[in-house]
Amino acid sequence: MIKKVLKILGYLGILALIVIQFIRPEKNEAGYEAFKAFEAETKPSSEVVGILKANCYDCHSNHTNYPWYAEVAPVSLWLEEHVDHGKDELNVSEWASYSVKKKDHKLEELIEEVEEGHMPLDSYTWIHGTLSEDDKTTLIQWATLARLQYKTQLEVSAQ
């Protein structure tokens, strides 16, 4: 009896995996022009751009480079949720629409998240690797420097 129930559950599980393959999340593929305004304004070095492209833009912009396994459900659905959440927190493709205060705050959060080791997420680093200490330092130094323009603008507008 138990063997029969397990067999039925196994078949139902396989059927569910097959059916879920037909649920295709929308791709986040706006193209690399999505980063231009952000990079033009914050002026990252080529080294920082490399760090951002390798570790940040996939979840924090309107362009994701999808790995092969992103075509397989339920991983595709899980990745979609991660990208949507990442874009809710910071979307560099929408940078031009952010207020000066929001830009300053987002860079402040970026610094905090990297310093505290919360970004990139563990689930991302399992496959892609972690940021080296040098990469963290480089990213934090750039973000700190980029924040200066927004801090200055906020101080001037407060006077």
N, C-alpha and C. Protein backbone atom coordinates (compact mmCIF):
# COMPACT_ATOMS: atom_id res chain seq x y z
N MET A 1 0.83 -1.20 0.00
CA MET A 1 0.00 0.00 0.00
C MET A 1 0.87 1.26 0.00
N ILE A 2 1.84 1.32 0.92
CA ILE A 2 2.71 2.50 1.00
C ILE A 2 3.53 2.64 -0.28
N LYS A 3 3.97 1.50 -0.82
CA LYS A 3 4.74 1.51 -2.05
C LYS A 3 3.91 2.10 -3.20
N LYS A 4 2.65 1.75 -3.24
CA LYS A 4 1.74 2.23 -4.29
C LYS A 4 1.53 3.75 -4.16
N VAL A 5 1.34 4.22 -2.93
CA VAL A 5 1.15 5.65 -2.68
C VAL A 5 2.40 6.42 -3.08
N LEU A 6 3.57 5.91 -2.71
CA LEU A 6 4.83 6.58 -3.07
C LEU A 6 5.03 6.61 -4.59
N LYS A 7 4.64 5.55 -5.25
CA LYS A 7 4.75 5.49 -6.71
C LYS A 7 3.84 6.55 -7.34
N ILE A 8 2.62 6.65 -6.85
CA ILE A 8 1.68 7.66 -7.36
C ILE A 8 2.21 9.06 -7.10
N LEU A 9 2.72 9.30 -5.89
CA LEU A 9 3.28 10.60 -5.56
C LEU A 9 4.48 10.92 -6.46
N GLY A 10 5.29 9.93 -6.74
CA GLY A 10 6.43 10.11 -7.64
C GLY A 10 5.99 10.51 -9.03
N TYR A 11 4.98 9.84 -9.56
CA TYR A 11 4.45 10.18 -10.87
C TYR A 11 3.85 11.59 -10.88
N LEU A 12 3.13 11.93 -9.82
CA LEU A 12 2.55 13.28 -9.71
C LEU A 12 3.66 14.34 -9.64
N GLY A 13 4.73 14.04 -8.92
CA GLY A 13 5.86 14.96 -8.83
C GLY A 13 6.51 15.18 -10.19
N ILE A 14 6.72 14.10 -10.93
CA ILE A 14 7.29 14.21 -12.27
C ILE A 14 6.37 15.00 -13.19
N LEU A 15 5.08 14.71 -13.10
CA LEU A 15 4.10 15.44 -13.91
C LEU A 15 4.12 16.93 -13.57
N ALA A 16 4.20 17.25 -12.28
CA ALA A 16 4.25 18.66 -11.85
C ALA A 16 5.50 19.34 -12.41
N LEU A 17 6.64 18.66 -12.37
CA LEU A 17 7.88 19.23 -12.92
C LEU A 17 7.77 19.47 -14.43
N ILE A 18 7.09 18.58 -15.11
CA ILE A 18 6.90 18.76 -16.56
C ILE A 18 5.97 19.94 -16.82
N VAL A 19 4.87 20.00 -16.11
CA VAL A 19 3.89 21.08 -16.32
C VAL A 19 4.50 22.44 -15.99
N ILE A 20 5.28 22.52 -14.93
CA ILE A 20 5.84 23.80 -14.51
C ILE A 20 6.85 24.35 -15.53
N GLN A 21 7.37 23.49 -16.40
CA GLN A 21 8.30 23.94 -17.44
C GLN A 21 7.61 24.89 -18.43
N PHE A 22 6.29 24.82 -18.50
CA PHE A 22 5.54 25.68 -19.43
C PHE A 22 5.23 27.05 -18.84
N ILE A 23 5.58 27.26 -17.59
CA ILE A 23 5.42 28.57 -16.96
C ILE A 23 6.73 29.31 -17.18
N ARG A 24 6.70 30.29 -18.08
CA ARG A 24 7.91 31.00 -18.48
C ARG A 24 7.88 32.44 -17.95
N PRO A 25 8.73 32.76 -16.99
CA PRO A 25 8.78 34.14 -16.52
C PRO A 25 9.31 35.08 -17.61
N GLU A 26 8.89 36.31 -17.54
CA GLU A 26 9.36 37.31 -18.49
C GLU A 26 10.85 37.57 -18.24
N LYS A 27 11.62 37.67 -19.30
CA LYS A 27 13.06 37.91 -19.20
C LYS A 27 13.33 39.39 -18.92
N ASN A 28 14.36 39.63 -18.16
CA ASN A 28 14.82 40.97 -17.80
C ASN A 28 16.01 41.29 -18.70
N GLU A 29 15.73 41.67 -19.95
CA GLU A 29 16.80 41.85 -20.93
C GLU A 29 16.66 43.14 -21.72
N ALA A 30 16.88 44.26 -21.07
CA ALA A 30 16.75 45.55 -21.74
C ALA A 30 17.98 45.91 -22.55
N GLY A 31 19.10 45.28 -22.29
CA GLY A 31 20.33 45.60 -23.00
C GLY A 31 21.27 46.44 -22.15
N TYR A 32 22.50 46.51 -22.58
CA TYR A 32 23.52 47.19 -21.79
C TYR A 32 23.36 48.70 -21.72
N GLU A 33 22.58 49.29 -22.62
CA GLU A 33 22.35 50.73 -22.54
C GLU A 33 21.64 51.09 -21.24
N ALA A 34 21.09 50.08 -20.58
CA ALA A 34 20.38 50.28 -19.32
C ALA A 34 21.29 50.85 -18.23
N PHE A 35 22.60 50.69 -18.37
CA PHE A 35 23.53 51.14 -17.33
C PHE A 35 24.13 52.52 -17.63
N LYS A 36 23.93 53.03 -18.83
CA LYS A 36 24.66 54.23 -19.28
C LYS A 36 24.47 55.45 -18.38
N ALA A 37 23.24 55.79 -18.04
CA ALA A 37 23.00 56.98 -17.22
C ALA A 37 23.65 56.83 -15.84
N PHE A 38 23.51 55.66 -15.26
CA PHE A 38 24.11 55.39 -13.95
C PHE A 38 25.63 55.54 -14.01
N GLU A 39 26.25 54.92 -14.99
CA GLU A 39 27.70 54.98 -15.11
C GLU A 39 28.19 56.38 -15.48
N ALA A 40 27.43 57.09 -16.31
CA ALA A 40 27.83 58.45 -16.68
C ALA A 40 27.81 59.38 -15.47
N GLU A 41 26.85 59.18 -14.60
CA GLU A 41 26.71 60.06 -13.45
C GLU A 41 27.63 59.69 -12.29
N THR A 42 27.81 58.40 -12.05
CA THR A 42 28.60 57.97 -10.89
C THR A 42 30.07 57.73 -11.22
N LYS A 43 30.39 57.72 -12.50
CA LYS A 43 31.77 57.64 -13.00
C LYS A 43 32.61 56.49 -12.40
N PRO A 44 32.14 55.26 -12.50
CA PRO A 44 32.96 54.14 -12.01
C PRO A 44 34.15 53.91 -12.94
N SER A 45 35.27 53.48 -12.36
CA SER A 45 36.43 53.10 -13.17
C SER A 45 36.09 51.82 -13.93
N SER A 46 36.93 51.47 -14.88
CA SER A 46 36.68 50.23 -15.63
C SER A 46 36.73 49.02 -14.68
N GLU A 47 37.56 49.10 -13.64
CA GLU A 47 37.61 48.02 -12.65
C GLU A 47 36.28 47.91 -11.91
N VAL A 48 35.72 49.03 -11.51
CA VAL A 48 34.43 49.03 -10.79
C VAL A 48 33.31 48.56 -11.72
N VAL A 49 33.33 49.00 -12.98
CA VAL A 49 32.33 48.53 -13.95
C VAL A 49 32.39 47.01 -14.05
N GLY A 50 33.59 46.46 -14.08
CA GLY A 50 33.73 45.00 -14.13
C GLY A 50 33.13 44.32 -12.91
N ILE A 51 33.35 44.90 -11.74
CA ILE A 51 32.78 44.35 -10.50
C ILE A 51 31.26 44.45 -10.54
N LEU A 52 30.73 45.59 -10.97
CA LEU A 52 29.28 45.78 -11.04
C LEU A 52 28.64 44.81 -12.03
N LYS A 53 29.26 44.65 -13.20
CA LYS A 53 28.70 43.74 -14.20
C LYS A 53 28.74 42.30 -13.72
N ALA A 54 29.80 41.92 -13.03
CA ALA A 54 29.95 40.53 -12.59
C ALA A 54 29.11 40.21 -11.36
N ASN A 55 28.79 41.22 -10.53
CA ASN A 55 28.18 40.93 -9.24
C ASN A 55 26.88 41.66 -8.93
N CYS A 56 26.54 42.70 -9.67
CA CYS A 56 25.41 43.54 -9.26
C CYS A 56 24.32 43.70 -10.32
N TYR A 57 24.73 43.97 -11.55
CA TYR A 57 23.77 44.35 -12.57
C TYR A 57 22.73 43.27 -12.87
N ASP A 58 23.07 42.00 -12.72
CA ASP A 58 22.10 40.95 -13.04
C ASP A 58 20.81 41.10 -12.25
N CYS A 59 20.92 41.53 -11.00
CA CYS A 59 19.72 41.66 -10.15
C CYS A 59 19.31 43.10 -9.90
N HIS A 60 20.19 44.05 -10.21
CA HIS A 60 19.90 45.45 -9.88
C HIS A 60 19.86 46.35 -11.11
N SER A 61 19.38 45.80 -12.23
CA SER A 61 19.20 46.60 -13.44
C SER A 61 18.12 45.95 -14.30
N ASN A 62 17.86 46.57 -15.43
CA ASN A 62 16.87 46.01 -16.35
C ASN A 62 17.50 45.05 -17.35
N HIS A 63 18.71 44.58 -17.05
CA HIS A 63 19.37 43.61 -17.93
C HIS A 63 20.04 42.52 -17.10
N THR A 64 19.61 41.30 -17.32
CA THR A 64 20.17 40.14 -16.63
C THR A 64 20.80 39.22 -17.65
N ASN A 65 22.03 38.78 -17.38
CA ASN A 65 22.65 37.72 -18.18
C ASN A 65 22.26 36.41 -17.52
N TYR A 66 21.42 35.66 -18.19
CA TYR A 66 20.88 34.45 -17.60
C TYR A 66 21.80 33.25 -17.84
N PRO A 67 22.04 32.47 -16.79
CA PRO A 67 22.78 31.21 -16.98
C PRO A 67 21.86 30.17 -17.61
N TRP A 68 22.43 29.09 -18.09
CA TRP A 68 21.64 28.05 -18.77
C TRP A 68 20.53 27.50 -17.88
N TYR A 69 20.80 27.38 -16.59
CA TYR A 69 19.82 26.76 -15.70
C TYR A 69 18.62 27.67 -15.42
N ALA A 70 18.67 28.90 -15.91
CA ALA A 70 17.53 29.81 -15.75
C ALA A 70 16.37 29.40 -16.65
N GLU A 71 16.59 28.44 -17.52
CA GLU A 71 15.54 27.95 -18.41
C GLU A 71 14.76 26.80 -17.79
N VAL A 72 15.19 26.35 -16.62
CA VAL A 72 14.58 25.18 -15.99
C VAL A 72 13.78 25.61 -14.76
N ALA A 73 12.49 25.31 -14.78
CA ALA A 73 11.65 25.60 -13.62
C ALA A 73 11.87 24.49 -12.59
N PRO A 74 11.85 24.78 -11.34
CA PRO A 74 11.43 26.01 -10.68
C PRO A 74 12.55 27.04 -10.50
N VAL A 75 13.77 26.74 -10.97
CA VAL A 75 14.88 27.69 -10.83
C VAL A 75 14.54 29.00 -11.54
N SER A 76 13.93 28.93 -12.71
CA SER A 76 13.58 30.14 -13.46
C SER A 76 12.65 31.05 -12.65
N LEU A 77 11.71 30.45 -11.94
CA LEU A 77 10.78 31.23 -11.12
C LEU A 77 11.48 31.83 -9.91
N TRP A 78 12.39 31.08 -9.33
CA TRP A 78 13.17 31.55 -8.18
C TRP A 78 14.06 32.72 -8.60
N LEU A 79 14.71 32.61 -9.77
CA LEU A 79 15.56 33.70 -10.26
C LEU A 79 14.74 34.95 -10.56
N GLU A 80 13.56 34.76 -11.13
CA GLU A 80 12.70 35.90 -11.42
C GLU A 80 12.36 36.66 -10.13
N GLU A 81 12.07 35.92 -9.07
CA GLU A 81 11.75 36.55 -7.78
C GLU A 81 12.96 37.31 -7.25
N HIS A 82 14.16 36.74 -7.38
CA HIS A 82 15.38 37.41 -6.91
C HIS A 82 15.62 38.70 -7.70
N VAL A 83 15.48 38.63 -9.00
CA VAL A 83 15.71 39.81 -9.84
C VAL A 83 14.68 40.90 -9.52
N ASP A 84 13.42 40.51 -9.42
CA ASP A 84 12.37 41.50 -9.09
C ASP A 84 12.65 42.16 -7.74
N HIS A 85 13.03 41.37 -6.75
CA HIS A 85 13.33 41.92 -5.42
C HIS A 85 14.56 42.84 -5.50
N GLY A 86 15.59 42.40 -6.21
CA GLY A 86 16.79 43.22 -6.35
C GLY A 86 16.49 44.56 -7.01
N LYS A 87 15.67 44.54 -8.05
CA LYS A 87 15.30 45.78 -8.73
C LYS A 87 14.43 46.67 -7.85
N ASP A 88 13.64 46.08 -6.97
CA ASP A 88 12.85 46.89 -6.03
C ASP A 88 13.76 47.64 -5.07
N GLU A 89 14.86 47.03 -4.68
CA GLU A 89 15.79 47.65 -3.74
C GLU A 89 16.67 48.71 -4.42
N LEU A 90 17.20 48.38 -5.59
CA LEU A 90 18.04 49.30 -6.36
C LEU A 90 17.99 48.87 -7.80
N ASN A 91 17.61 49.79 -8.67
CA ASN A 91 17.59 49.51 -10.10
C ASN A 91 18.41 50.61 -10.79
N VAL A 92 19.65 50.27 -11.14
CA VAL A 92 20.52 51.28 -11.75
C VAL A 92 20.00 51.74 -13.11
N SER A 93 19.15 50.95 -13.73
CA SER A 93 18.54 51.35 -15.01
C SER A 93 17.54 52.49 -14.82
N GLU A 94 17.05 52.66 -13.62
CA GLU A 94 16.10 53.73 -13.31
C GLU A 94 16.79 54.90 -12.60
N TRP A 95 18.11 54.89 -12.56
CA TRP A 95 18.90 55.87 -11.81
C TRP A 95 18.50 57.31 -12.13
N ALA A 96 18.32 57.61 -13.40
CA ALA A 96 18.00 58.99 -13.81
C ALA A 96 16.68 59.48 -13.21
N SER A 97 15.78 58.56 -12.87
CA SER A 97 14.49 58.96 -12.30
C SER A 97 14.54 59.13 -10.78
N TYR A 98 15.64 58.73 -10.15
CA TYR A 98 15.77 58.86 -8.70
C TYR A 98 16.06 60.31 -8.32
N SER A 99 15.55 60.72 -7.18
CA SER A 99 15.88 62.05 -6.65
C SER A 99 17.32 62.04 -6.15
N VAL A 100 17.89 63.21 -5.94
CA VAL A 100 19.25 63.31 -5.41
C VAL A 100 19.32 62.62 -4.05
N LYS A 101 18.33 62.83 -3.22
CA LYS A 101 18.30 62.20 -1.90
C LYS A 101 18.27 60.68 -2.01
N LYS A 102 17.47 60.17 -2.93
CA LYS A 102 17.37 58.71 -3.11
C LYS A 102 18.68 58.14 -3.65
N LYS A 103 19.33 58.84 -4.58
CA LYS A 103 20.61 58.39 -5.12
C LYS A 103 21.65 58.29 -4.00
N ASP A 104 21.71 59.33 -3.17
CA ASP A 104 22.65 59.32 -2.04
C ASP A 104 22.34 58.15 -1.11
N HIS A 105 21.07 57.95 -0.82
CA HIS A 105 20.67 56.87 0.08
C HIS A 105 20.98 55.49 -0.51
N LYS A 106 20.75 55.31 -1.80
CA LYS A 106 21.02 54.02 -2.44
C LYS A 106 22.52 53.71 -2.42
N LEU A 107 23.34 54.69 -2.65
CA LEU A 107 24.80 54.46 -2.57
C LEU A 107 25.22 54.18 -1.13
N GLU A 108 24.59 54.85 -0.18
CA GLU A 108 24.86 54.58 1.24
C GLU A 108 24.50 53.13 1.57
N GLU A 109 23.34 52.68 1.09
CA GLU A 109 22.92 51.30 1.32
C GLU A 109 23.86 50.31 0.64
N LEU A 110 24.32 50.64 -0.56
CA LEU A 110 25.27 49.78 -1.26
C LEU A 110 26.52 49.58 -0.41
N ILE A 111 27.04 50.67 0.13
CA ILE A 111 28.24 50.60 0.98
C ILE A 111 27.97 49.71 2.19
N GLU A 112 26.86 49.94 2.86
CA GLU A 112 26.52 49.15 4.06
C GLU A 112 26.37 47.66 3.73
N GLU A 113 25.66 47.35 2.66
CA GLU A 113 25.41 45.96 2.29
C GLU A 113 26.71 45.23 1.95
N VAL A 114 27.60 45.90 1.25
CA VAL A 114 28.88 45.28 0.89
C VAL A 114 29.77 45.14 2.13
N GLU A 115 29.82 46.19 2.95
CA GLU A 115 30.63 46.13 4.18
C GLU A 115 30.17 45.00 5.10
N GLU A 116 28.87 44.84 5.23
CA GLU A 116 28.31 43.83 6.14
C GLU A 116 28.26 42.44 5.51
N GLY A 117 28.64 42.32 4.24
CA GLY A 117 28.67 41.02 3.58
C GLY A 117 27.31 40.51 3.15
N HIS A 118 26.31 41.39 3.11
CA HIS A 118 24.96 40.97 2.70
C HIS A 118 24.80 40.93 1.19
N MET A 119 25.69 41.63 0.48
CA MET A 119 25.64 41.65 -0.98
C MET A 119 27.01 41.30 -1.51
N PRO A 120 27.06 40.52 -2.56
CA PRO A 120 25.92 39.83 -3.16
C PRO A 120 25.39 38.74 -2.24
N LEU A 121 24.15 38.34 -2.51
CA LEU A 121 23.48 37.32 -1.70
C LEU A 121 24.26 36.00 -1.73
N ASP A 122 24.14 35.25 -0.64
CA ASP A 122 24.79 33.93 -0.57
C ASP A 122 24.36 33.04 -1.73
N SER A 123 23.08 33.08 -2.06
CA SER A 123 22.57 32.23 -3.14
C SER A 123 23.23 32.57 -4.47
N TYR A 124 23.67 33.81 -4.64
CA TYR A 124 24.37 34.23 -5.86
C TYR A 124 25.83 33.77 -5.80
N THR A 125 26.44 33.92 -4.64
CA THR A 125 27.86 33.61 -4.52
C THR A 125 28.14 32.11 -4.56
N TRP A 126 27.15 31.27 -4.23
CA TRP A 126 27.36 29.83 -4.31
C TRP A 126 27.80 29.42 -5.71
N ILE A 127 27.25 30.07 -6.70
CA ILE A 127 27.54 29.72 -8.09
C ILE A 127 28.57 30.66 -8.70
N HIS A 128 28.48 31.95 -8.38
CA HIS A 128 29.30 32.95 -9.05
C HIS A 128 30.56 33.33 -8.27
N GLY A 129 30.66 32.91 -7.04
CA GLY A 129 31.82 33.29 -6.22
C GLY A 129 31.56 34.58 -5.47
N THR A 130 32.36 34.82 -4.46
CA THR A 130 32.18 36.01 -3.63
C THR A 130 33.06 37.15 -4.11
N LEU A 131 32.78 38.33 -3.61
CA LEU A 131 33.65 39.46 -3.87
C LEU A 131 34.92 39.29 -3.06
N SER A 132 36.06 39.55 -3.69
CA SER A 132 37.31 39.51 -2.94
C SER A 132 37.35 40.74 -2.03
N GLU A 133 38.21 40.71 -1.05
CA GLU A 133 38.36 41.88 -0.16
C GLU A 133 38.79 43.10 -0.96
N ASP A 134 39.66 42.91 -1.95
CA ASP A 134 40.08 44.03 -2.80
C ASP A 134 38.89 44.59 -3.59
N ASP A 135 38.04 43.69 -4.12
CA ASP A 135 36.85 44.14 -4.85
C ASP A 135 35.90 44.91 -3.94
N LYS A 136 35.72 44.43 -2.72
CA LYS A 136 34.86 45.13 -1.76
C LYS A 136 35.41 46.52 -1.47
N THR A 137 36.70 46.59 -1.22
CA THR A 137 37.34 47.88 -0.93
C THR A 137 37.19 48.83 -2.11
N THR A 138 37.45 48.34 -3.31
CA THR A 138 37.34 49.16 -4.52
C THR A 138 35.91 49.66 -4.70
N LEU A 139 34.95 48.80 -4.52
CA LEU A 139 33.54 49.16 -4.67
C LEU A 139 33.12 50.19 -3.62
N ILE A 140 33.52 49.99 -2.40
CA ILE A 140 33.17 50.92 -1.31
C ILE A 140 33.82 52.28 -1.53
N GLN A 141 35.07 52.29 -1.95
CA GLN A 141 35.76 53.57 -2.21
C GLN A 141 35.07 54.33 -3.33
N TRP A 142 34.72 53.63 -4.41
CA TRP A 142 34.03 54.28 -5.52
C TRP A 142 32.67 54.84 -5.06
N ALA A 143 31.89 54.04 -4.35
CA ALA A 143 30.56 54.48 -3.92
C ALA A 143 30.65 55.66 -2.96
N THR A 144 31.64 55.64 -2.10
CA THR A 144 31.85 56.76 -1.16
C THR A 144 32.16 58.03 -1.93
N LEU A 145 33.01 57.92 -2.91
CA LEU A 145 33.38 59.07 -3.75
C LEU A 145 32.18 59.54 -4.57
N ALA A 146 31.43 58.60 -5.13
CA ALA A 146 30.25 58.96 -5.93
C ALA A 146 29.19 59.67 -5.09
N ARG A 147 29.11 59.31 -3.83
CA ARG A 147 28.12 59.93 -2.93
C ARG A 147 28.41 61.40 -2.70
N LEU A 148 29.65 61.81 -2.79
CA LEU A 148 30.02 63.20 -2.49
C LEU A 148 29.21 64.20 -3.31
N GLN A 149 29.01 63.91 -4.59
CA GLN A 149 28.26 64.85 -5.43
C GLN A 149 26.82 65.01 -4.94
N TYR A 150 26.23 63.93 -4.45
CA TYR A 150 24.85 64.01 -3.98
C TYR A 150 24.77 64.69 -2.62
N LYS A 151 25.74 64.42 -1.76
CA LYS A 151 25.80 65.08 -0.46
C LYS A 151 25.93 66.59 -0.65
N THR A 152 26.79 66.97 -1.57
CA THR A 152 27.00 68.40 -1.85
C THR A 152 25.72 69.02 -2.38
N GLN A 153 25.05 68.35 -3.30
CA GLN A 153 23.80 68.88 -3.84
C GLN A 153 22.74 69.01 -2.75
N LEU A 154 22.69 68.05 -1.85
CA LEU A 154 21.71 68.09 -0.76
C LEU A 154 22.02 69.24 0.20
N GLU A 155 23.29 69.46 0.47
CA GLU A 155 23.68 70.56 1.38
C GLU A 155 23.36 71.90 0.76
N VAL A 156 23.64 72.06 -0.53
CA VAL A 156 23.36 73.32 -1.23
C VAL A 156 21.86 73.59 -1.26
N SER A 157 21.07 72.57 -1.53
CA SER A 157 19.62 72.77 -1.61
C SER A 157 19.01 73.02 -0.24
N ALA A 158 19.69 72.60 0.84
CA ALA A 158 19.19 72.81 2.20
C ALA A 158 19.44 74.24 2.68
N GLN A 159 20.34 74.95 2.02
CA GLN A 159 20.69 76.31 2.47
C GLN A 159 19.71 77.34 2.03
